[in-house]
Amino acid sequence: MARNLSVFFQNMDRHTQAAAKLTPEQLFPKFEKSYKHDNALTWFDREWKEHLGIDVYTQGEPLGDHAIKGDNFILFRDTASNDVKSEILSDMTGRQVTVRAANIGEAKTHGDAYAKVKSIAFVSEALIDHVYTSTFARRFWTESQIAEMRKRWSGKVSA
């Protein structure tokens, strides 16, 4: 859900006209109702499996809680720190690799609205069920991580 909200803001003008004039309270319903939440859930099948023949749902082994490594790919969880990514990539390549953050939503021109929407963003149980029972969610997160994300997006815990 967090990834979807971030992408919604990255491409906000595509989702709603005059988005810059809307308040965070007006933007969030547009995100929940008009954003194509299945995009992330089907992306690996559309892009990796179809074009590269790599099925990330059946190939590869977890590298702790941070990544999945296959014969010819590595996928990092969005929660993996840059230090962890740097260490894994350095070990794999045999040379020093430093990963730095470059795409920070809060630092962009829409950063204030993004932060506000994140703080008020609670979604319907139907959407939470759809996202967090998906093959995508079950592949990349543990049951306890999914439970925490479900709580966060349902409003049962603070963001």
N, C-alpha and C. Protein backbone atom coordinates (compact mmCIF):
# COMPACT_ATOMS: atom_id res chain seq x y z
N MET A 1 0.82 -1.18 0.00
CA MET A 1 0.00 0.00 0.00
C MET A 1 0.87 1.26 0.00
N ALA A 2 1.97 1.22 0.79
CA ALA A 2 2.86 2.38 0.85
C ALA A 2 3.46 2.68 -0.52
N ARG A 3 3.85 1.64 -1.24
CA ARG A 3 4.41 1.82 -2.58
C ARG A 3 3.38 2.45 -3.50
N ASN A 4 2.14 1.99 -3.42
CA ASN A 4 1.09 2.54 -4.27
C ASN A 4 0.85 4.02 -3.99
N LEU A 5 0.84 4.39 -2.73
CA LEU A 5 0.64 5.79 -2.38
C LEU A 5 1.80 6.64 -2.90
N SER A 6 3.02 6.14 -2.77
CA SER A 6 4.18 6.85 -3.27
C SER A 6 4.09 7.05 -4.79
N VAL A 7 3.73 6.01 -5.51
CA VAL A 7 3.62 6.10 -6.98
C VAL A 7 2.48 7.03 -7.37
N PHE A 8 1.37 6.98 -6.64
CA PHE A 8 0.25 7.89 -6.90
C PHE A 8 0.74 9.33 -6.86
N PHE A 9 1.52 9.68 -5.85
CA PHE A 9 2.02 11.06 -5.75
C PHE A 9 3.05 11.35 -6.82
N GLN A 10 3.89 10.38 -7.14
CA GLN A 10 4.89 10.58 -8.19
C GLN A 10 4.22 10.93 -9.51
N ASN A 11 3.08 10.31 -9.77
CA ASN A 11 2.37 10.49 -11.04
C ASN A 11 1.02 11.18 -10.84
N MET A 12 0.93 12.01 -9.84
CA MET A 12 -0.34 12.59 -9.43
C MET A 12 -1.11 13.26 -10.56
N ASP A 13 -0.43 13.99 -11.41
CA ASP A 13 -1.13 14.70 -12.48
C ASP A 13 -1.80 13.75 -13.47
N ARG A 14 -1.33 12.51 -13.55
CA ARG A 14 -1.96 11.52 -14.42
C ARG A 14 -3.28 11.03 -13.84
N HIS A 15 -3.40 11.06 -12.51
CA HIS A 15 -4.57 10.49 -11.83
C HIS A 15 -5.70 11.48 -11.65
N THR A 16 -5.40 12.74 -11.56
CA THR A 16 -6.44 13.73 -11.31
C THR A 16 -5.99 15.08 -11.86
N GLN A 17 -6.90 15.76 -12.52
CA GLN A 17 -6.58 17.09 -13.03
C GLN A 17 -6.54 18.07 -11.86
N ALA A 18 -5.71 19.06 -12.00
CA ALA A 18 -5.57 20.10 -10.98
C ALA A 18 -5.24 19.53 -9.61
N ALA A 19 -4.46 18.46 -9.59
CA ALA A 19 -4.12 17.79 -8.33
C ALA A 19 -3.43 18.73 -7.35
N ALA A 20 -2.63 19.62 -7.85
CA ALA A 20 -1.89 20.53 -6.96
C ALA A 20 -2.82 21.43 -6.16
N LYS A 21 -4.04 21.62 -6.64
CA LYS A 21 -4.99 22.50 -5.96
C LYS A 21 -5.83 21.76 -4.92
N LEU A 22 -5.72 20.44 -4.89
CA LEU A 22 -6.54 19.66 -3.96
C LEU A 22 -5.87 19.55 -2.60
N THR A 23 -6.68 19.47 -1.57
CA THR A 23 -6.15 19.26 -0.21
C THR A 23 -5.83 17.78 -0.04
N PRO A 24 -5.01 17.43 0.95
CA PRO A 24 -4.74 16.02 1.22
C PRO A 24 -6.03 15.22 1.47
N GLU A 25 -6.99 15.84 2.15
CA GLU A 25 -8.26 15.16 2.42
C GLU A 25 -9.04 14.89 1.14
N GLN A 26 -8.84 15.71 0.10
CA GLN A 26 -9.48 15.48 -1.20
C GLN A 26 -8.67 14.48 -2.04
N LEU A 27 -7.37 14.46 -1.86
CA LEU A 27 -6.51 13.57 -2.65
C LEU A 27 -6.66 12.11 -2.26
N PHE A 28 -6.75 11.83 -0.96
CA PHE A 28 -6.75 10.44 -0.54
C PHE A 28 -7.88 9.61 -1.14
N PRO A 29 -9.13 10.09 -1.15
CA PRO A 29 -10.18 9.27 -1.78
C PRO A 29 -9.91 8.98 -3.26
N LYS A 30 -9.25 9.92 -3.94
CA LYS A 30 -8.90 9.67 -5.34
C LYS A 30 -7.88 8.54 -5.44
N PHE A 31 -6.93 8.52 -4.50
CA PHE A 31 -5.95 7.43 -4.47
C PHE A 31 -6.65 6.09 -4.25
N GLU A 32 -7.50 6.02 -3.25
CA GLU A 32 -8.13 4.74 -2.92
C GLU A 32 -9.04 4.24 -4.04
N LYS A 33 -9.79 5.15 -4.66
CA LYS A 33 -10.79 4.72 -5.64
C LYS A 33 -10.27 4.65 -7.08
N SER A 34 -9.36 5.56 -7.47
CA SER A 34 -8.98 5.60 -8.88
C SER A 34 -7.63 4.99 -9.20
N TYR A 35 -6.76 4.83 -8.19
CA TYR A 35 -5.45 4.26 -8.46
C TYR A 35 -5.59 2.77 -8.76
N LYS A 36 -4.84 2.28 -9.73
CA LYS A 36 -4.88 0.86 -10.11
C LYS A 36 -3.96 0.07 -9.17
N HIS A 37 -4.53 -0.37 -8.06
CA HIS A 37 -3.75 -1.06 -7.03
C HIS A 37 -3.17 -2.39 -7.50
N ASP A 38 -3.72 -2.97 -8.54
CA ASP A 38 -3.19 -4.23 -9.06
C ASP A 38 -1.88 -4.07 -9.81
N ASN A 39 -1.52 -2.85 -10.19
CA ASN A 39 -0.27 -2.65 -10.94
C ASN A 39 0.92 -3.28 -10.25
N ALA A 40 1.10 -3.02 -8.98
CA ALA A 40 2.24 -3.59 -8.25
C ALA A 40 2.09 -5.09 -8.07
N LEU A 41 0.85 -5.54 -7.88
CA LEU A 41 0.62 -6.96 -7.62
C LEU A 41 0.91 -7.84 -8.83
N THR A 42 0.81 -7.28 -10.02
CA THR A 42 1.02 -8.07 -11.25
C THR A 42 2.28 -7.67 -12.01
N TRP A 43 3.02 -6.72 -11.49
CA TRP A 43 4.18 -6.18 -12.21
C TRP A 43 5.22 -7.25 -12.54
N PHE A 44 5.58 -8.10 -11.59
CA PHE A 44 6.61 -9.11 -11.84
C PHE A 44 6.18 -10.11 -12.90
N ASP A 45 4.91 -10.48 -12.94
CA ASP A 45 4.44 -11.38 -13.98
C ASP A 45 4.48 -10.69 -15.35
N ARG A 46 4.05 -9.43 -15.39
CA ARG A 46 4.03 -8.69 -16.66
C ARG A 46 5.43 -8.37 -17.17
N GLU A 47 6.31 -7.97 -16.30
CA GLU A 47 7.61 -7.48 -16.73
C GLU A 47 8.72 -8.54 -16.68
N TRP A 48 8.82 -9.29 -15.61
CA TRP A 48 9.90 -10.26 -15.46
C TRP A 48 9.55 -11.60 -16.08
N LYS A 49 8.39 -12.14 -15.73
CA LYS A 49 8.04 -13.47 -16.21
C LYS A 49 7.79 -13.46 -17.72
N GLU A 50 7.00 -12.51 -18.17
CA GLU A 50 6.65 -12.44 -19.59
C GLU A 50 7.86 -12.13 -20.48
N HIS A 51 8.70 -11.19 -20.06
CA HIS A 51 9.79 -10.73 -20.93
C HIS A 51 11.14 -11.40 -20.66
N LEU A 52 11.36 -11.83 -19.41
CA LEU A 52 12.66 -12.41 -19.06
C LEU A 52 12.59 -13.90 -18.73
N GLY A 53 11.37 -14.41 -18.58
CA GLY A 53 11.20 -15.81 -18.23
C GLY A 53 11.54 -16.11 -16.77
N ILE A 54 11.58 -15.08 -15.93
CA ILE A 54 11.90 -15.26 -14.51
C ILE A 54 10.62 -15.15 -13.70
N ASP A 55 10.31 -16.21 -12.97
CA ASP A 55 9.13 -16.23 -12.10
C ASP A 55 9.60 -16.03 -10.67
N VAL A 56 9.51 -14.79 -10.19
CA VAL A 56 10.04 -14.47 -8.86
C VAL A 56 9.22 -15.12 -7.75
N TYR A 57 8.05 -15.66 -8.08
CA TYR A 57 7.22 -16.30 -7.06
C TYR A 57 7.61 -17.75 -6.82
N THR A 58 8.36 -18.34 -7.74
CA THR A 58 8.78 -19.73 -7.57
C THR A 58 10.30 -19.90 -7.60
N GLN A 59 11.03 -18.88 -8.03
CA GLN A 59 12.48 -18.96 -8.13
C GLN A 59 13.13 -18.12 -7.03
N GLY A 60 14.31 -18.49 -6.63
CA GLY A 60 15.07 -17.71 -5.67
C GLY A 60 14.81 -18.11 -4.24
N GLU A 61 15.78 -17.74 -3.41
CA GLU A 61 15.73 -18.04 -1.97
C GLU A 61 15.89 -16.75 -1.18
N PRO A 62 15.24 -16.66 -0.03
CA PRO A 62 15.38 -15.45 0.80
C PRO A 62 16.80 -15.26 1.30
N LEU A 63 17.25 -14.01 1.33
CA LEU A 63 18.50 -13.62 1.98
C LEU A 63 18.07 -12.89 3.26
N GLY A 64 17.82 -13.63 4.30
CA GLY A 64 17.32 -13.04 5.54
C GLY A 64 15.98 -12.37 5.29
N ASP A 65 15.79 -11.24 5.93
CA ASP A 65 14.55 -10.48 5.77
C ASP A 65 14.69 -9.38 4.74
N HIS A 66 15.78 -9.37 3.98
CA HIS A 66 16.09 -8.21 3.16
C HIS A 66 15.95 -8.40 1.66
N ALA A 67 16.10 -9.62 1.16
CA ALA A 67 16.17 -9.80 -0.28
C ALA A 67 15.82 -11.23 -0.66
N ILE A 68 15.59 -11.41 -1.95
CA ILE A 68 15.42 -12.74 -2.55
C ILE A 68 16.46 -12.83 -3.66
N LYS A 69 17.25 -13.90 -3.63
CA LYS A 69 18.32 -14.08 -4.62
C LYS A 69 18.04 -15.32 -5.45
N GLY A 70 18.02 -15.12 -6.77
CA GLY A 70 17.89 -16.22 -7.71
C GLY A 70 19.19 -16.43 -8.44
N ASP A 71 19.19 -17.36 -9.40
CA ASP A 71 20.40 -17.62 -10.17
C ASP A 71 20.86 -16.38 -10.94
N ASN A 72 19.90 -15.60 -11.43
CA ASN A 72 20.27 -14.44 -12.25
C ASN A 72 19.54 -13.17 -11.84
N PHE A 73 19.16 -13.07 -10.57
CA PHE A 73 18.52 -11.84 -10.10
C PHE A 73 18.64 -11.73 -8.58
N ILE A 74 18.47 -10.50 -8.11
CA ILE A 74 18.31 -10.24 -6.69
C ILE A 74 17.25 -9.16 -6.54
N LEU A 75 16.34 -9.38 -5.62
CA LEU A 75 15.28 -8.42 -5.33
C LEU A 75 15.40 -7.99 -3.88
N PHE A 76 15.45 -6.69 -3.66
CA PHE A 76 15.49 -6.17 -2.30
C PHE A 76 14.10 -5.75 -1.87
N ARG A 77 13.79 -6.01 -0.62
CA ARG A 77 12.56 -5.47 -0.05
C ARG A 77 12.72 -3.97 0.09
N ASP A 78 11.62 -3.25 -0.01
CA ASP A 78 11.69 -1.81 0.13
C ASP A 78 12.12 -1.39 1.53
N THR A 79 12.03 -2.30 2.49
CA THR A 79 12.43 -2.00 3.86
C THR A 79 13.92 -2.27 4.12
N ALA A 80 14.61 -2.84 3.15
CA ALA A 80 16.04 -3.09 3.33
C ALA A 80 16.79 -1.76 3.35
N SER A 81 17.64 -1.58 4.33
CA SER A 81 18.38 -0.32 4.42
C SER A 81 19.42 -0.25 3.30
N ASN A 82 19.87 0.96 3.01
CA ASN A 82 20.91 1.13 2.00
C ASN A 82 22.19 0.44 2.41
N ASP A 83 22.49 0.39 3.71
CA ASP A 83 23.68 -0.31 4.18
C ASP A 83 23.59 -1.81 3.89
N VAL A 84 22.41 -2.39 4.14
CA VAL A 84 22.22 -3.83 3.86
C VAL A 84 22.34 -4.08 2.37
N LYS A 85 21.71 -3.25 1.55
CA LYS A 85 21.81 -3.42 0.10
C LYS A 85 23.26 -3.31 -0.36
N SER A 86 23.97 -2.33 0.18
CA SER A 86 25.38 -2.14 -0.19
C SER A 86 26.20 -3.38 0.17
N GLU A 87 25.97 -3.91 1.37
CA GLU A 87 26.73 -5.08 1.82
C GLU A 87 26.45 -6.30 0.93
N ILE A 88 25.19 -6.57 0.65
CA ILE A 88 24.83 -7.73 -0.18
C ILE A 88 25.40 -7.58 -1.58
N LEU A 89 25.24 -6.40 -2.18
CA LEU A 89 25.75 -6.20 -3.54
C LEU A 89 27.28 -6.25 -3.57
N SER A 90 27.93 -5.72 -2.54
CA SER A 90 29.40 -5.79 -2.48
C SER A 90 29.86 -7.24 -2.38
N ASP A 91 29.19 -8.04 -1.54
CA ASP A 91 29.53 -9.46 -1.42
C ASP A 91 29.31 -10.20 -2.74
N MET A 92 28.22 -9.90 -3.42
CA MET A 92 27.91 -10.59 -4.68
C MET A 92 28.88 -10.24 -5.80
N THR A 93 29.29 -8.97 -5.87
CA THR A 93 30.12 -8.52 -6.98
C THR A 93 31.62 -8.59 -6.68
N GLY A 94 31.96 -8.73 -5.40
CA GLY A 94 33.38 -8.76 -5.04
C GLY A 94 34.03 -7.40 -5.11
N ARG A 95 33.24 -6.34 -5.12
CA ARG A 95 33.78 -4.98 -5.12
C ARG A 95 32.86 -4.08 -4.31
N GLN A 96 33.38 -2.97 -3.86
CA GLN A 96 32.61 -2.07 -3.01
C GLN A 96 31.46 -1.42 -3.78
N VAL A 97 30.26 -1.57 -3.27
CA VAL A 97 29.08 -0.95 -3.85
C VAL A 97 28.42 -0.13 -2.73
N THR A 98 28.09 1.11 -3.04
CA THR A 98 27.41 1.97 -2.07
C THR A 98 26.07 2.38 -2.65
N VAL A 99 25.01 2.04 -1.95
CA VAL A 99 23.65 2.40 -2.37
C VAL A 99 23.22 3.63 -1.57
N ARG A 100 22.66 4.61 -2.28
CA ARG A 100 22.17 5.83 -1.63
C ARG A 100 20.72 6.07 -2.02
N ALA A 101 19.97 6.66 -1.11
CA ALA A 101 18.58 7.02 -1.40
C ALA A 101 18.56 8.17 -2.41
N ALA A 102 17.65 8.07 -3.38
CA ALA A 102 17.58 9.11 -4.39
C ALA A 102 16.15 9.56 -4.69
N ASN A 103 15.18 8.77 -4.33
CA ASN A 103 13.80 9.07 -4.71
C ASN A 103 12.96 9.15 -3.43
N ILE A 104 13.02 10.28 -2.75
CA ILE A 104 12.36 10.45 -1.46
C ILE A 104 11.14 11.34 -1.65
N GLY A 105 9.94 10.75 -1.50
CA GLY A 105 8.70 11.48 -1.74
C GLY A 105 8.55 12.73 -0.92
N GLU A 106 8.93 12.66 0.35
CA GLU A 106 8.78 13.81 1.23
C GLU A 106 9.66 14.99 0.81
N ALA A 107 10.70 14.74 0.03
CA ALA A 107 11.63 15.79 -0.39
C ALA A 107 11.22 16.44 -1.71
N LYS A 108 10.15 15.98 -2.32
CA LYS A 108 9.73 16.51 -3.61
C LYS A 108 8.76 17.68 -3.42
N THR A 109 8.40 18.31 -4.52
CA THR A 109 7.53 19.48 -4.44
C THR A 109 6.19 19.17 -3.80
N HIS A 110 5.73 17.94 -3.92
CA HIS A 110 4.46 17.54 -3.31
C HIS A 110 4.67 16.90 -1.94
N GLY A 111 5.86 17.06 -1.37
CA GLY A 111 6.23 16.38 -0.13
C GLY A 111 5.31 16.64 1.04
N ASP A 112 4.88 17.90 1.23
CA ASP A 112 4.00 18.20 2.36
C ASP A 112 2.67 17.49 2.23
N ALA A 113 2.09 17.55 1.04
CA ALA A 113 0.80 16.87 0.81
C ALA A 113 0.96 15.36 0.96
N TYR A 114 2.07 14.81 0.46
CA TYR A 114 2.34 13.37 0.57
C TYR A 114 2.41 12.96 2.03
N ALA A 115 3.16 13.70 2.83
CA ALA A 115 3.28 13.38 4.26
C ALA A 115 1.92 13.47 4.96
N LYS A 116 1.13 14.47 4.62
CA LYS A 116 -0.20 14.62 5.24
C LYS A 116 -1.11 13.47 4.85
N VAL A 117 -1.13 13.11 3.57
CA VAL A 117 -1.98 12.00 3.13
C VAL A 117 -1.54 10.71 3.80
N LYS A 118 -0.22 10.48 3.91
CA LYS A 118 0.26 9.29 4.60
C LYS A 118 -0.26 9.23 6.03
N SER A 119 -0.36 10.38 6.67
CA SER A 119 -0.78 10.41 8.07
C SER A 119 -2.29 10.16 8.24
N ILE A 120 -3.08 10.42 7.20
CA ILE A 120 -4.53 10.22 7.30
C ILE A 120 -5.01 9.00 6.50
N ALA A 121 -4.10 8.33 5.84
CA ALA A 121 -4.46 7.28 4.89
C ALA A 121 -4.83 5.97 5.59
N PHE A 122 -6.10 5.68 5.60
CA PHE A 122 -6.62 4.40 6.05
C PHE A 122 -7.55 3.89 4.97
N VAL A 123 -7.39 2.64 4.56
CA VAL A 123 -8.14 2.13 3.41
C VAL A 123 -9.15 1.08 3.85
N SER A 124 -10.04 0.76 2.94
CA SER A 124 -11.11 -0.19 3.22
C SER A 124 -10.56 -1.59 3.47
N GLU A 125 -11.30 -2.36 4.26
CA GLU A 125 -10.91 -3.76 4.51
C GLU A 125 -10.85 -4.55 3.21
N ALA A 126 -11.75 -4.25 2.28
CA ALA A 126 -11.75 -4.98 1.00
C ALA A 126 -10.44 -4.76 0.25
N LEU A 127 -9.96 -3.51 0.21
CA LEU A 127 -8.71 -3.23 -0.48
C LEU A 127 -7.53 -3.84 0.28
N ILE A 128 -7.55 -3.75 1.59
CA ILE A 128 -6.49 -4.36 2.41
C ILE A 128 -6.45 -5.86 2.14
N ASP A 129 -7.60 -6.53 2.14
CA ASP A 129 -7.64 -7.97 1.86
C ASP A 129 -7.10 -8.27 0.47
N HIS A 130 -7.51 -7.47 -0.51
CA HIS A 130 -7.07 -7.70 -1.89
C HIS A 130 -5.55 -7.62 -2.01
N VAL A 131 -4.97 -6.60 -1.41
CA VAL A 131 -3.53 -6.39 -1.52
C VAL A 131 -2.74 -7.41 -0.69
N TYR A 132 -3.15 -7.63 0.55
CA TYR A 132 -2.32 -8.42 1.46
C TYR A 132 -2.60 -9.93 1.45
N THR A 133 -3.56 -10.38 0.65
CA THR A 133 -3.72 -11.82 0.42
C THR A 133 -3.15 -12.22 -0.93
N SER A 134 -2.57 -11.27 -1.64
CA SER A 134 -2.04 -11.53 -2.98
C SER A 134 -0.77 -12.39 -2.94
N THR A 135 -0.49 -13.03 -4.05
CA THR A 135 0.75 -13.79 -4.20
C THR A 135 1.95 -12.88 -3.98
N PHE A 136 1.87 -11.67 -4.47
CA PHE A 136 2.93 -10.68 -4.31
C PHE A 136 3.24 -10.45 -2.83
N ALA A 137 2.23 -10.14 -2.04
CA ALA A 137 2.44 -9.86 -0.61
C ALA A 137 2.98 -11.08 0.12
N ARG A 138 2.40 -12.24 -0.17
CA ARG A 138 2.83 -13.45 0.54
C ARG A 138 4.25 -13.87 0.17
N ARG A 139 4.73 -13.48 -1.00
CA ARG A 139 6.10 -13.81 -1.40
C ARG A 139 7.13 -12.91 -0.70
N PHE A 140 6.80 -11.66 -0.53
CA PHE A 140 7.80 -10.70 -0.07
C PHE A 140 7.74 -10.36 1.40
N TRP A 141 6.68 -10.73 2.11
CA TRP A 141 6.58 -10.41 3.53
C TRP A 141 6.12 -11.62 4.32
N THR A 142 6.54 -11.67 5.57
CA THR A 142 6.11 -12.73 6.48
C THR A 142 4.68 -12.45 6.94
N GLU A 143 4.06 -13.44 7.55
CA GLU A 143 2.70 -13.25 8.07
C GLU A 143 2.66 -12.13 9.11
N SER A 144 3.68 -12.07 9.97
CA SER A 144 3.68 -11.01 10.99
C SER A 144 3.87 -9.63 10.36
N GLN A 145 4.68 -9.52 9.32
CA GLN A 145 4.85 -8.24 8.62
C GLN A 145 3.55 -7.83 7.93
N ILE A 146 2.89 -8.79 7.31
CA ILE A 146 1.60 -8.51 6.66
C ILE A 146 0.58 -8.05 7.70
N ALA A 147 0.56 -8.71 8.85
CA ALA A 147 -0.37 -8.32 9.92
C ALA A 147 -0.12 -6.88 10.36
N GLU A 148 1.14 -6.49 10.48
CA GLU A 148 1.47 -5.10 10.86
C GLU A 148 1.03 -4.11 9.79
N MET A 149 1.25 -4.45 8.52
CA MET A 149 0.83 -3.56 7.44
C MET A 149 -0.68 -3.44 7.39
N ARG A 150 -1.37 -4.56 7.60
CA ARG A 150 -2.83 -4.53 7.62
C ARG A 150 -3.33 -3.59 8.73
N LYS A 151 -2.71 -3.68 9.91
CA LYS A 151 -3.10 -2.80 11.02
C LYS A 151 -2.86 -1.34 10.67
N ARG A 152 -1.67 -1.05 10.12
CA ARG A 152 -1.33 0.33 9.79
C ARG A 152 -2.34 0.93 8.82
N TRP A 153 -2.67 0.21 7.74
CA TRP A 153 -3.53 0.77 6.71
C TRP A 153 -5.01 0.73 7.08
N SER A 154 -5.36 -0.04 8.10
CA SER A 154 -6.76 -0.06 8.55
C SER A 154 -7.01 1.00 9.62
N GLY A 155 -5.92 1.63 10.10
CA GLY A 155 -6.05 2.66 11.11
C GLY A 155 -6.03 2.14 12.52
N LYS A 156 -5.69 0.86 12.70
CA LYS A 156 -5.70 0.25 14.02
C LYS A 156 -4.44 0.54 14.82
N VAL A 157 -3.41 1.09 14.16
CA VAL A 157 -2.21 1.58 14.84
C VAL A 157 -1.82 2.89 14.19
N SER A 158 -1.04 3.69 14.84
CA SER A 158 -0.62 4.96 14.25
C SER A 158 0.48 4.72 13.23
N ALA A 159 0.54 5.60 12.24
CA ALA A 159 1.52 5.47 11.14
C ALA A 159 2.91 5.78 11.62
